[in-house]
Protein backbone atom coordinates (compact mmCIF):
# COMPACT_ATOMS: atom_id res chain seq x y z
CA UNK A 1 -247.12 -164.15 -74.87
CA UNK A 2 -250.74 -163.92 -76.00
CA UNK A 3 -251.75 -162.06 -79.12
CA UNK A 4 -253.53 -159.50 -76.97
CA UNK A 5 -250.40 -158.95 -74.87
CA UNK A 6 -248.38 -158.51 -78.02
CA UNK A 7 -250.90 -155.97 -79.43
CA UNK A 8 -250.77 -154.02 -76.17
CA UNK A 9 -246.91 -154.04 -76.11
CA UNK A 10 -246.82 -152.88 -79.73
CA UNK A 11 -249.36 -150.12 -78.99
CA UNK A 12 -247.14 -148.91 -76.19
CA UNK A 13 -244.06 -149.04 -78.37
CA UNK A 14 -245.86 -147.21 -81.20
CA UNK A 15 -246.72 -144.27 -78.89
CA UNK A 16 -243.09 -144.17 -77.62
CA UNK A 17 -241.73 -144.06 -81.19
CA UNK A 18 -244.40 -141.48 -82.23
CA UNK A 19 -243.18 -139.22 -79.35
CA UNK A 20 -239.60 -139.62 -80.48
CA UNK A 21 -240.48 -138.82 -84.12
CA UNK A 22 -242.37 -135.81 -82.95
CA UNK A 23 -239.35 -134.58 -80.91
CA UNK A 24 -237.15 -134.91 -84.06
CA UNK A 25 -239.84 -132.98 -86.09
CA UNK A 26 -239.77 -130.30 -83.45
CA UNK A 27 -236.01 -129.95 -83.78
CA UNK A 28 -236.43 -129.58 -87.52
CA UNK A 29 -239.14 -126.97 -87.06
CA UNK A 30 -237.02 -125.05 -84.52
CA UNK A 31 -234.10 -125.05 -86.95
CA UNK A 32 -236.25 -123.80 -89.77
CA UNK A 33 -238.04 -121.14 -87.80
CA UNK A 34 -235.29 -119.87 -85.50
CA UNK A 35 -231.79 -120.80 -86.53
CA UNK A 36 -231.59 -120.80 -90.33
CA UNK A 37 -229.62 -119.75 -92.30
CA UNK A 38 -226.79 -119.47 -89.71
CA UNK A 39 -227.05 -123.10 -88.65
CA UNK A 40 -227.63 -124.65 -92.09
CA UNK A 41 -224.93 -127.26 -91.33
CA UNK A 42 -227.33 -128.98 -88.91
CA UNK A 43 -229.88 -129.74 -91.67
CA UNK A 44 -228.49 -133.10 -92.68
CA UNK A 45 -228.12 -134.41 -89.13
CA UNK A 46 -231.63 -133.41 -88.08
CA UNK A 47 -233.13 -134.60 -91.28
CA UNK A 48 -231.43 -138.02 -90.92
CA UNK A 49 -232.60 -138.27 -87.26
CA UNK A 50 -236.17 -137.36 -88.20
CA UNK A 51 -236.24 -139.79 -91.08
CA UNK A 52 -234.83 -142.60 -88.89
CA UNK A 53 -237.34 -141.92 -86.16
CA UNK A 54 -240.25 -141.87 -88.59
CA UNK A 55 -239.02 -145.18 -90.18
CA UNK A 56 -238.84 -146.79 -86.74
CA UNK A 57 -242.38 -145.57 -86.05
CA UNK A 58 -243.61 -147.06 -89.39
CA UNK A 59 -241.94 -150.36 -88.64
CA UNK A 60 -243.89 -150.77 -85.42
CA UNK A 61 -247.02 -149.39 -87.01
CA UNK A 62 -246.84 -152.09 -89.66
CA UNK A 63 -246.14 -154.77 -86.96
CA UNK A 64 -249.12 -153.58 -84.94
CA UNK A 65 -251.43 -153.62 -87.95
CA UNK A 66 -250.38 -157.22 -88.71
CA UNK A 67 -250.78 -158.28 -84.99
CA UNK A 68 -254.28 -156.69 -84.85
CA UNK A 69 -255.20 -158.57 -88.01
CA UNK A 70 -254.00 -161.82 -86.50
CA UNK A 71 -255.92 -161.09 -83.29
CA UNK A 72 -259.13 -160.56 -85.32
CA UNK A 73 -258.61 -163.86 -87.11
CA UNK A 74 -258.00 -165.64 -83.86
CA UNK A 75 -261.08 -164.04 -82.27
CA UNK A 76 -263.32 -165.14 -85.14
């Protein structure tokens, strides 16, 4: 796999993980805006899911940044 192909794949994965993180954030927003305080027991599960989704996004964002830097070095 070439560096360019790897970068494109990571960009696609980054968008996927960003969407997933946004979905979790939406769940948290809905809980806060519409279902609290009655459904307070859901806070921990939704917070953990949101945190995990954001961490997964950050992992790929860091990989992409490194791959882009490597691509720039290779292109020079």
